[in-house]
Protein backbone atom coordinates (compact mmCIF):
# COMPACT_ATOMS: atom_id res chain seq x y z
CA UNK A 1 50.71 -19.46 25.63
CA UNK A 2 54.30 -18.34 25.12
CA UNK A 3 54.71 -14.60 24.75
CA UNK A 4 57.97 -12.76 24.43
CA UNK A 5 58.83 -10.39 27.24
CA UNK A 6 59.02 -7.53 24.76
CA UNK A 7 55.35 -8.10 23.83
CA UNK A 8 54.08 -7.41 27.33
CA UNK A 9 55.84 -4.19 28.05
CA UNK A 10 53.67 -1.18 28.81
CA UNK A 11 54.63 0.36 25.49
CA UNK A 12 53.83 -2.86 23.59
CA UNK A 13 50.46 -3.21 25.28
CA UNK A 14 49.54 0.40 24.53
CA UNK A 15 50.50 -0.19 20.91
CA UNK A 16 48.29 -3.28 20.77
CA UNK A 17 45.39 -1.35 22.28
CA UNK A 18 45.72 1.27 19.56
CA UNK A 19 45.79 -1.46 16.91
CA UNK A 20 42.66 -3.11 18.34
CA UNK A 21 40.87 0.26 18.40
CA UNK A 22 41.92 0.88 14.79
CA UNK A 23 40.62 -2.50 13.66
CA UNK A 24 37.35 -2.02 15.57
CA UNK A 25 36.88 1.35 13.91
CA UNK A 26 37.46 -0.19 10.49
CA UNK A 27 35.02 -2.99 11.31
CA UNK A 28 32.37 -0.49 12.43
CA UNK A 29 32.80 1.56 9.27
CA UNK A 30 32.59 -1.54 7.09
CA UNK A 31 29.50 -2.71 8.98
CA UNK A 32 27.84 0.69 8.45
CA UNK A 33 28.77 0.67 4.76
CA UNK A 34 27.40 -2.87 4.46
CA UNK A 35 24.12 -1.92 6.15
CA UNK A 36 23.75 1.14 3.93
CA UNK A 37 24.47 -0.90 0.81
CA UNK A 38 22.04 -3.60 1.95
CA UNK A 39 19.32 -0.99 2.54
CA UNK A 40 20.01 0.54 -0.86
CA UNK A 41 19.82 -2.90 -2.49
CA UNK A 42 16.53 -3.69 -0.70
CA UNK A 43 15.03 -0.36 -1.75
CA UNK A 44 16.10 -0.93 -5.35
CA UNK A 45 14.70 -4.48 -5.29
CA UNK A 46 11.36 -3.23 -3.97
CA UNK A 47 11.20 -0.53 -6.62
CA UNK A 48 11.98 -3.09 -9.31
CA UNK A 49 9.32 -5.45 -8.00
CA UNK A 50 6.70 -2.67 -8.09
CA UNK A 51 7.69 -1.71 -11.64
CA UNK A 52 7.38 -5.34 -12.71
CA UNK A 53 3.89 -5.48 -11.22
CA UNK A 54 2.98 -2.34 -13.16
CA UNK A 55 4.40 -3.92 -16.31
CA UNK A 56 2.19 -6.98 -15.80
CA UNK A 57 -0.81 -4.70 -15.43
CA UNK A 58 0.14 -2.78 -18.56
CA UNK A 59 0.46 -6.03 -20.55
CA UNK A 60 -2.99 -7.32 -19.54
CA UNK A 61 -5.98 -5.75 -21.34
CA UNK A 62 -8.41 -6.38 -18.46
CA UNK A 63 -6.07 -4.96 -15.85
CA UNK A 64 -5.10 -2.00 -18.01
CA UNK A 65 -8.77 -1.19 -18.67
CA UNK A 66 -9.50 -1.49 -14.94
CA UNK A 67 -6.87 1.13 -14.14
CA UNK A 68 -8.31 3.45 -16.79
CA UNK A 69 -11.90 3.00 -15.55
CA UNK A 70 -11.00 3.54 -11.92
CA UNK A 71 -8.90 6.62 -12.65
CA UNK A 72 -11.67 8.03 -14.82
CA UNK A 73 -14.15 7.60 -11.95
CA UNK A 74 -11.68 9.23 -9.56
CA UNK A 75 -11.18 12.14 -11.98
CA UNK A 76 -14.96 12.67 -12.08
CA UNK A 77 -14.99 12.66 -8.27
CA UNK A 78 -12.19 15.23 -8.15
CA UNK A 79 -14.03 17.40 -10.67
CA UNK A 80 -17.11 17.34 -8.43
CA UNK A 81 -15.30 19.67 -6.01
CA UNK A 82 -15.49 22.41 -8.63
CA UNK A 83 -18.71 24.20 -9.39
CA UNK A 84 -19.74 23.34 -12.98
CA UNK A 85 -19.65 26.07 -15.59
CA UNK A 86 -23.02 27.79 -15.81
CA UNK A 87 -24.21 26.44 -12.47
CA UNK A 88 -27.10 28.51 -11.17
CA UNK A 89 -26.62 29.09 -7.48
CA UNK A 90 -30.25 30.02 -6.95
CA UNK A 91 -33.23 27.71 -6.90
CA UNK A 92 -36.73 28.95 -6.15
CA UNK A 93 -35.88 32.59 -6.76
CA UNK A 94 -33.27 35.05 -5.63
CA UNK A 95 -34.28 34.71 -1.99
CA UNK A 96 -33.47 30.96 -1.87
CA UNK A 97 -29.77 30.53 -2.69
CA UNK A 98 -28.40 26.99 -2.95
CA UNK A 99 -24.65 26.90 -2.79
CA UNK A 100 -23.08 24.18 -4.93
CA UNK A 101 -21.22 22.77 -1.92
CA UNK A 102 -24.61 22.03 -0.31
CA UNK A 103 -25.77 19.82 -3.20
CA UNK A 104 -25.37 16.05 -3.56
CA UNK A 105 -23.17 16.64 -6.60
CA UNK A 106 -20.43 18.22 -4.51
CA UNK A 107 -17.60 15.79 -3.54
CA UNK A 108 -19.64 12.93 -4.98
CA UNK A 109 -17.77 9.66 -4.39
CA UNK A 110 -20.56 7.32 -5.49
CA UNK A 111 -19.10 6.80 -8.96
CA UNK A 112 -15.82 5.59 -7.49
CA UNK A 113 -17.67 3.29 -5.09
CA UNK A 114 -19.57 1.76 -8.00
CA UNK A 115 -16.40 1.29 -10.02
CA UNK A 116 -14.66 -0.42 -7.09
CA UNK A 117 -17.64 -2.74 -6.63
CA UNK A 118 -17.37 -3.70 -10.30
CA UNK A 119 -13.66 -4.40 -9.94
CA UNK A 120 -14.24 -6.57 -6.87
CA UNK A 121 -16.89 -8.53 -8.77
CA UNK A 122 -14.36 -9.06 -11.55
CA UNK A 123 -11.76 -10.10 -8.98
CA UNK A 124 -14.06 -12.80 -7.61
CA UNK A 125 -14.75 -14.03 -11.13
CA UNK A 126 -11.01 -14.38 -11.71
CA UNK A 127 -10.61 -16.27 -8.44
CA UNK A 128 -13.43 -18.63 -9.40
CA UNK A 129 -11.69 -19.23 -12.73
CA UNK A 130 -8.40 -20.00 -10.98
CA UNK A 131 -6.65 -16.85 -12.21
CA UNK A 132 -5.07 -16.10 -8.84
CA UNK A 133 -2.45 -13.57 -9.94
CA UNK A 134 -4.93 -11.66 -12.07
CA UNK A 135 -7.37 -11.50 -9.17
CA UNK A 136 -4.64 -10.29 -6.83
CA UNK A 137 -3.54 -7.65 -9.32
CA UNK A 138 -7.12 -6.37 -9.62
CA UNK A 139 -7.19 -6.03 -5.84
CA UNK A 140 -3.77 -4.39 -5.91
CA UNK A 141 -5.04 -1.77 -8.36
CA UNK A 142 -8.00 -0.90 -6.13
CA UNK A 143 -5.80 -0.81 -3.03
CA UNK A 144 -3.25 1.55 -4.54
CA UNK A 145 -5.78 3.95 -6.05
CA UNK A 146 -8.15 4.13 -3.07
CA UNK A 147 -5.27 4.18 -0.58
CA UNK A 148 -4.00 7.27 -2.38
CA UNK A 149 -7.46 8.86 -2.15
CA UNK A 150 -7.59 8.25 1.61
CA UNK A 151 -4.27 10.04 2.04
CA UNK A 152 -5.42 12.91 -0.17
CA UNK A 153 -8.77 13.21 1.63
CA UNK A 154 -6.97 13.28 4.97
CA UNK A 155 -4.87 16.20 3.75
CA UNK A 156 -7.93 17.93 2.31
CA UNK A 157 -9.76 17.56 5.61
CA UNK A 158 -7.18 19.86 7.18
CA UNK A 159 -8.29 22.62 4.84
CA UNK A 160 -12.01 21.91 5.36
CA UNK A 161 -12.55 21.05 1.70
CA UNK A 162 -15.49 18.76 2.46
CA UNK A 163 -13.79 15.59 1.22
CA UNK A 164 -15.99 12.59 2.16
CA UNK A 165 -13.23 10.90 4.10
CA UNK A 166 -15.58 8.51 5.92
CA UNK A 167 -16.92 7.20 2.59
CA UNK A 168 -13.44 6.78 1.17
CA UNK A 169 -12.19 5.00 4.29
CA UNK A 170 -15.19 2.68 4.15
CA UNK A 171 -14.33 1.88 0.54
CA UNK A 172 -10.70 1.24 1.50
CA UNK A 173 -11.71 -0.99 4.40
CA UNK A 174 -13.92 -3.04 2.09
CA UNK A 175 -10.92 -3.64 -0.16
CA UNK A 176 -8.76 -4.49 2.85
CA UNK A 177 -11.32 -7.08 3.96
CA UNK A 178 -10.90 -8.83 0.60
CA UNK A 179 -7.17 -9.18 1.22
CA UNK A 180 -7.82 -10.38 4.74
CA UNK A 181 -10.13 -13.11 3.48
CA UNK A 182 -7.34 -14.27 1.17
CA UNK A 183 -4.59 -14.13 3.79
CA UNK A 184 -6.19 -15.08 7.08
CA UNK A 185 -8.31 -18.00 8.23
CA UNK A 186 -11.04 -16.67 10.49
CA UNK A 187 -10.90 -19.83 12.62
CA UNK A 188 -7.29 -19.12 13.62
CA UNK A 189 -5.84 -16.71 16.13
CA UNK A 190 -2.49 -14.94 16.09
CA UNK A 191 -0.98 -17.61 18.33
CA UNK A 192 -1.77 -20.44 15.94
CA UNK A 193 1.09 -21.84 13.88
CA UNK A 194 -0.77 -21.42 10.59
CA UNK A 195 -1.71 -17.79 11.20
CA UNK A 196 -0.63 -15.56 8.30
CA UNK A 197 -0.06 -18.51 5.99
CA UNK A 198 -3.24 -20.26 4.90
CA UNK A 199 -5.84 -17.64 4.10
CA UNK A 200 -9.44 -18.57 3.35
CA UNK A 201 -8.51 -21.36 0.97
CA UNK A 202 -8.93 -19.28 -2.19
CA UNK A 203 -5.15 -19.05 -2.47
CA UNK A 204 -2.66 -21.85 -2.04
CA UNK A 205 -0.33 -21.39 0.93
CA UNK A 206 2.64 -20.33 -1.19
CA UNK A 207 0.60 -17.80 -3.18
CA UNK A 208 -0.98 -16.40 -0.02
CA UNK A 209 2.44 -15.88 1.55
CA UNK A 210 3.87 -14.34 -1.64
CA UNK A 211 1.03 -11.86 -2.05
CA UNK A 212 0.97 -11.04 1.64
CA UNK A 213 4.65 -10.08 1.39
CA UNK A 214 3.95 -7.93 -1.68
CA UNK A 215 1.03 -6.18 -0.01
CA UNK A 216 2.97 -5.66 3.24
CA UNK A 217 5.91 -4.20 1.29
CA UNK A 218 4.09 -1.91 -1.12
CA UNK A 219 0.70 -1.16 0.47
CA UNK A 220 1.01 -1.71 4.22
CA UNK A 221 -1.78 -1.30 6.74
CA UNK A 222 -4.69 -1.95 6.68
CA UNK A 223 -4.36 -4.09 3.55
CA UNK A 224 -1.83 -6.51 5.08
CA UNK A 225 -3.35 -6.60 8.56
CA UNK A 226 -5.97 -8.75 10.24
CA UNK A 227 -8.96 -6.78 11.50
């Protein structure tokens, strides 16, 4: 390659080195700006997807009623941490005090459990009827609400509030197992080519992959994981 003698002087080479460094710096800055913009776009896309899911729930009477019923049951559970007005703390006379926190009514999660069971029954009915998206959205509702309760109970446990975290985690794990039955074929192992793609047969491959991506993005573990 022909190069002029003036281009290979020490001064010329130093100048070229500075130019290369300048261009590399510009490239690094552009790459960083691109990565930041890409991350911002991904975050915005995920937020939009979640809002669209919420819009679909809001536009469906069954799904909307399910949210209301589940949140009502959760509100009753939250209220059970507070001693009811007029509660008599003594049973069997003044010498036999029964503190409200020692009763079965305190931190009573059974109503939420029952509501979740009802939602899961409804979810299976929708699957049997071929209403895949509706079934998945019912499961999504349960996952989001109970997942939030697990996080809250974990925080409450630090303050010794008596939150029944084991019961709530058991409820959450039952919901997670429903996702796992949709996403994963029990006869396959992680090394198999079809792992993560076929589910139990209740969802077509494309639907299983789509919903697995949604759950992985917006809910995470344990809902998107194989136990």
